[in-house]
Amino acid sequence: MTEKDKKAKPKLGVKSKAAIRRELEQATQKFLQVGGQVDNVPRGATAWEPGMRPPPSRPLFTEPPSERTPVPEVVATIEARRESLKESRKPSRKPGQKRSRKQVIYDDFGEPLRHVWVED
């Protein structure tokens, strides 16, 4: 299989934007051919008459809060697993051990010159 063949294969179930645009254009042309009409609506037009207020949107949190089911045994299991993981972890380094890190040395113009290892 060549590189060109790989690119030409479309993914299953995924359409490109160009394909979607083509389908929309074809559907619009078909609609117009059977006698459909497209109305142009001026910018800023609304369905509400002047002076009328739109109805308020659906208020949130109108129903009473639902009862929660306590699950202390599940919480206890999770906490026990967390504690056992804490105990099984080894400390990353000994308290007296020094740690090294890489530091970049820059020149006067801010360009990196080299890397050096520095102990903390």
Protein backbone atom coordinates (compact mmCIF):
# COMPACT_ATOMS: atom_id res chain seq x y z
CA MET A 1 0.00 0.00 0.00
CA THR A 2 1.40 3.39 -0.92
CA GLU A 3 1.27 6.55 1.15
CA LYS A 4 -1.27 8.02 -1.29
CA ASP A 5 -3.64 5.03 -0.82
CA LYS A 6 -3.51 5.39 2.96
CA LYS A 7 -4.52 9.06 2.79
CA ALA A 8 -7.31 8.40 0.30
CA LYS A 9 -9.14 5.94 2.57
CA PRO A 10 -11.81 7.69 4.64
CA LYS A 11 -12.34 6.62 8.23
CA LEU A 12 -15.51 4.66 8.85
CA GLY A 13 -18.38 6.81 10.13
CA VAL A 14 -16.37 10.05 9.98
CA LYS A 15 -17.21 12.65 7.34
CA SER A 16 -14.99 15.51 6.37
CA LYS A 17 -16.24 19.08 6.59
CA ALA A 18 -16.19 19.31 2.81
CA ALA A 19 -18.43 16.23 2.54
CA ILE A 20 -20.88 17.68 5.07
CA ARG A 21 -20.96 21.01 3.19
CA ARG A 22 -21.59 19.15 -0.07
CA GLU A 23 -24.48 17.20 1.48
CA LEU A 24 -26.04 20.38 2.89
CA GLU A 25 -25.73 22.13 -0.47
CA GLN A 26 -27.36 19.16 -2.25
CA ALA A 27 -30.19 19.03 0.31
CA THR A 28 -30.79 22.78 -0.09
CA GLN A 29 -30.86 22.53 -3.89
CA LYS A 30 -33.30 19.60 -3.70
CA PHE A 31 -35.54 21.60 -1.33
CA LEU A 32 -35.56 24.58 -3.70
CA GLN A 33 -36.25 22.37 -6.77
CA VAL A 34 -39.43 20.91 -5.24
CA GLY A 35 -40.80 24.40 -4.61
CA GLY A 36 -39.35 25.21 -1.22
CA GLN A 37 -38.61 28.80 -0.38
CA VAL A 38 -35.95 30.36 1.83
CA ASP A 39 -37.01 33.43 3.80
CA ASN A 40 -34.38 36.02 4.58
CA VAL A 41 -34.72 37.31 8.13
CA PRO A 42 -33.12 40.66 8.90
CA ARG A 43 -30.39 40.77 11.53
CA GLY A 44 -31.67 41.47 15.05
CA ALA A 45 -35.23 40.30 14.31
CA THR A 46 -37.08 38.58 17.12
CA ALA A 47 -40.34 36.70 17.52
CA TRP A 48 -41.36 38.91 20.45
CA GLU A 49 -43.58 41.91 19.93
CA PRO A 50 -42.20 45.27 21.12
CA GLY A 51 -43.05 45.83 24.77
CA MET A 52 -43.60 42.13 25.49
CA ARG A 53 -41.20 40.36 27.80
CA PRO A 54 -40.10 36.82 27.01
CA PRO A 55 -41.11 34.21 29.56
CA PRO A 56 -38.47 33.51 32.17
CA SER A 57 -36.27 30.52 31.59
CA ARG A 58 -36.90 27.40 33.62
CA PRO A 59 -35.77 28.07 37.18
CA LEU A 60 -33.02 25.87 38.50
CA PHE A 61 -33.16 23.81 41.69
CA THR A 62 -36.92 24.04 42.17
CA GLU A 63 -37.33 20.50 43.46
CA PRO A 64 -36.34 19.65 47.03
CA PRO A 65 -32.94 18.02 47.53
CA SER A 66 -32.99 14.26 47.31
CA GLU A 67 -31.99 12.08 50.23
CA ARG A 68 -28.47 10.74 50.11
CA THR A 69 -27.72 7.17 50.92
CA PRO A 70 -24.97 6.87 53.53
CA VAL A 71 -22.28 4.38 52.55
CA PRO A 72 -19.81 4.33 55.45
CA GLU A 73 -18.56 0.83 54.63
CA VAL A 74 -17.52 1.93 51.13
CA VAL A 75 -15.77 5.02 52.49
CA ALA A 76 -14.03 2.90 55.13
CA THR A 77 -12.79 0.47 52.46
CA ILE A 78 -11.41 3.31 50.34
CA GLU A 79 -9.69 4.91 53.34
CA ALA A 80 -8.15 1.57 54.40
CA ARG A 81 -6.80 1.00 50.88
CA ARG A 82 -5.36 4.53 50.83
CA GLU A 83 -3.64 3.99 54.18
CA SER A 84 -2.19 0.65 53.10
CA LEU A 85 -0.76 2.28 49.98
CA LYS A 86 0.83 5.03 52.09
CA GLU A 87 2.51 2.44 54.32
CA SER A 88 3.78 0.35 51.41
CA ARG A 89 5.47 3.28 49.67
CA LYS A 90 9.17 3.63 50.21
CA PRO A 91 10.56 7.06 50.95
CA SER A 92 11.98 8.59 47.79
CA ARG A 93 15.32 9.40 49.46
CA LYS A 94 16.96 9.22 52.82
CA PRO A 95 16.75 12.34 55.00
CA GLY A 96 20.51 13.02 54.93
CA GLN A 97 20.91 12.27 51.22
CA LYS A 98 21.48 15.22 48.89
CA ARG A 99 19.51 15.60 45.71
CA SER A 100 21.01 16.58 42.37
CA ARG A 101 19.26 18.55 39.65
CA LYS A 102 20.17 19.78 36.20
CA GLN A 103 20.71 23.53 35.85
CA VAL A 104 21.14 25.51 32.63
CA ILE A 105 23.97 28.05 32.39
CA TYR A 106 23.12 31.05 30.16
CA ASP A 107 25.38 33.58 28.48
CA ASP A 108 24.98 37.38 28.70
CA PHE A 109 22.40 37.36 25.91
CA GLY A 110 20.16 34.73 27.49
CA GLU A 111 21.24 31.88 25.22
CA PRO A 112 21.84 28.50 26.92
CA LEU A 113 25.53 27.53 27.04
CA ARG A 114 25.58 24.20 28.88
CA HIS A 115 23.95 22.07 31.55
CA VAL A 116 25.53 21.40 34.93
CA TRP A 117 24.45 19.19 37.82
CA VAL A 118 23.88 21.02 41.11
CA GLU A 119 23.28 19.43 44.51
CA ASP A 120 20.52 20.94 46.66
